[in-house]
Amino acid sequence: MPKIHEFQSSGEAYDASQVSDEISHGDILVVASENAVAVLDKAWPVAVTEFAGAFHIVSPDLTTPGYFQKNDLLDSYTQAVVVAAKAGFEAAS
């Protein structure tokens, strides 16, 4: 089960994902001030919301759900979309 981590900015979240032992592959990063939610895919926080901030976005040749399914992160993606929806953030397509 992925952990949910909350941050003040997507830059802070990105930096923390690179150095913190508390954040692992598949964990969810939430930045309420930017309406942004991401899932950590190895070393890359990838946005599940329309607004990405400092997070990576999915390549235009893939859908966002397709990317996470391809990378065996569908459970994390699904949970992240629920977190985003509850906060009123728009999910990326």
Protein backbone atom coordinates (compact mmCIF):
# COMPACT_ATOMS: atom_id res chain seq x y z
CA MET A 1 0.00 0.00 0.00
CA PRO A 2 1.51 3.31 -1.05
CA LYS A 3 2.12 6.01 1.53
CA ILE A 4 0.77 9.51 1.02
CA HIS A 5 3.19 12.40 1.57
CA GLU A 6 2.07 16.04 1.68
CA PHE A 7 4.25 19.00 0.73
CA GLN A 8 4.07 22.79 0.42
CA SER A 9 5.35 22.86 -3.18
CA SER A 10 5.98 20.43 -6.01
CA GLY A 11 9.62 21.47 -6.00
CA GLU A 12 9.90 20.52 -2.34
CA ALA A 13 8.13 17.22 -3.06
CA TYR A 14 10.40 16.45 -6.01
CA ASP A 15 13.53 17.18 -3.98
CA ALA A 16 12.31 15.08 -1.05
CA SER A 17 11.53 12.15 -3.36
CA GLN A 18 15.18 12.11 -4.40
CA VAL A 19 16.74 12.06 -0.94
CA SER A 20 14.24 10.85 1.65
CA ASP A 21 14.32 7.22 2.77
CA GLU A 22 10.68 7.71 3.83
CA ILE A 23 9.46 8.02 0.23
CA SER A 24 9.44 4.86 -1.89
CA HIS A 25 8.58 3.71 -5.40
CA GLY A 26 4.79 3.87 -5.77
CA ASP A 27 4.22 6.42 -3.00
CA ILE A 28 1.91 9.38 -3.59
CA LEU A 29 3.03 13.01 -3.37
CA VAL A 30 0.35 15.64 -2.72
CA VAL A 31 0.76 19.41 -3.10
CA ALA A 32 -2.55 21.02 -2.21
CA SER A 33 -1.30 24.56 -2.84
CA GLU A 34 -0.66 23.64 -6.49
CA ASN A 35 -3.57 21.20 -7.08
CA ALA A 36 -0.94 18.59 -7.93
CA VAL A 37 -0.65 14.89 -7.12
CA ALA A 38 2.07 12.53 -8.36
CA VAL A 39 3.15 8.92 -8.01
CA LEU A 40 6.84 8.16 -7.56
CA ASP A 41 8.04 5.88 -10.37
CA LYS A 42 11.48 4.82 -9.22
CA ALA A 43 13.26 8.21 -9.13
CA TRP A 44 10.64 10.20 -11.06
CA PRO A 45 7.52 11.75 -9.55
CA VAL A 46 4.93 11.57 -12.34
CA ALA A 47 1.82 13.75 -12.17
CA VAL A 48 -1.64 12.19 -12.16
CA THR A 49 -3.28 15.65 -12.18
CA GLU A 50 -3.67 18.17 -15.01
CA PHE A 51 -1.41 20.57 -13.15
CA ALA A 52 2.03 18.99 -12.81
CA GLY A 53 4.10 21.72 -11.20
CA ALA A 54 7.68 20.41 -10.94
CA PHE A 55 6.56 16.80 -11.48
CA HIS A 56 7.10 14.90 -14.72
CA ILE A 57 4.21 14.47 -17.13
CA VAL A 58 3.33 11.43 -19.19
CA SER A 59 4.57 11.40 -22.77
CA PRO A 60 1.86 12.44 -25.27
CA ASP A 61 1.99 8.98 -26.90
CA LEU A 62 0.55 7.38 -23.73
CA THR A 63 -2.50 8.09 -21.62
CA THR A 64 -1.80 8.76 -17.96
CA PRO A 65 -3.60 5.57 -16.81
CA GLY A 66 -1.80 3.63 -19.55
CA TYR A 67 1.59 4.83 -18.34
CA PHE A 68 0.97 3.68 -14.78
CA GLN A 69 -0.46 0.35 -15.94
CA LYS A 70 2.58 -0.23 -18.16
CA ASN A 71 4.88 0.44 -15.20
CA ASP A 72 2.97 -1.79 -12.73
CA LEU A 73 1.80 1.19 -10.69
CA LEU A 74 -1.92 0.98 -11.39
CA ASP A 75 -2.82 0.54 -7.70
CA SER A 76 -0.82 3.65 -6.75
CA TYR A 77 -2.31 5.57 -9.67
CA THR A 78 -5.85 4.59 -8.69
CA GLN A 79 -5.32 5.67 -5.10
CA ALA A 80 -3.68 8.93 -6.22
CA VAL A 81 -6.63 9.76 -8.48
CA VAL A 82 -9.00 9.20 -5.56
CA VAL A 83 -6.88 11.54 -3.40
CA ALA A 84 -6.91 14.14 -6.18
CA ALA A 85 -10.68 13.83 -6.74
CA LYS A 86 -11.45 14.22 -3.03
CA ALA A 87 -9.39 17.42 -3.05
CA GLY A 88 -11.14 18.69 -6.18
CA PHE A 89 -8.09 18.46 -8.45
CA GLU A 90 -8.52 17.62 -12.15
CA ALA A 91 -7.00 14.29 -13.20
CA ALA A 92 -4.73 14.18 -16.23
CA SER A 93 -6.05 12.24 -19.21
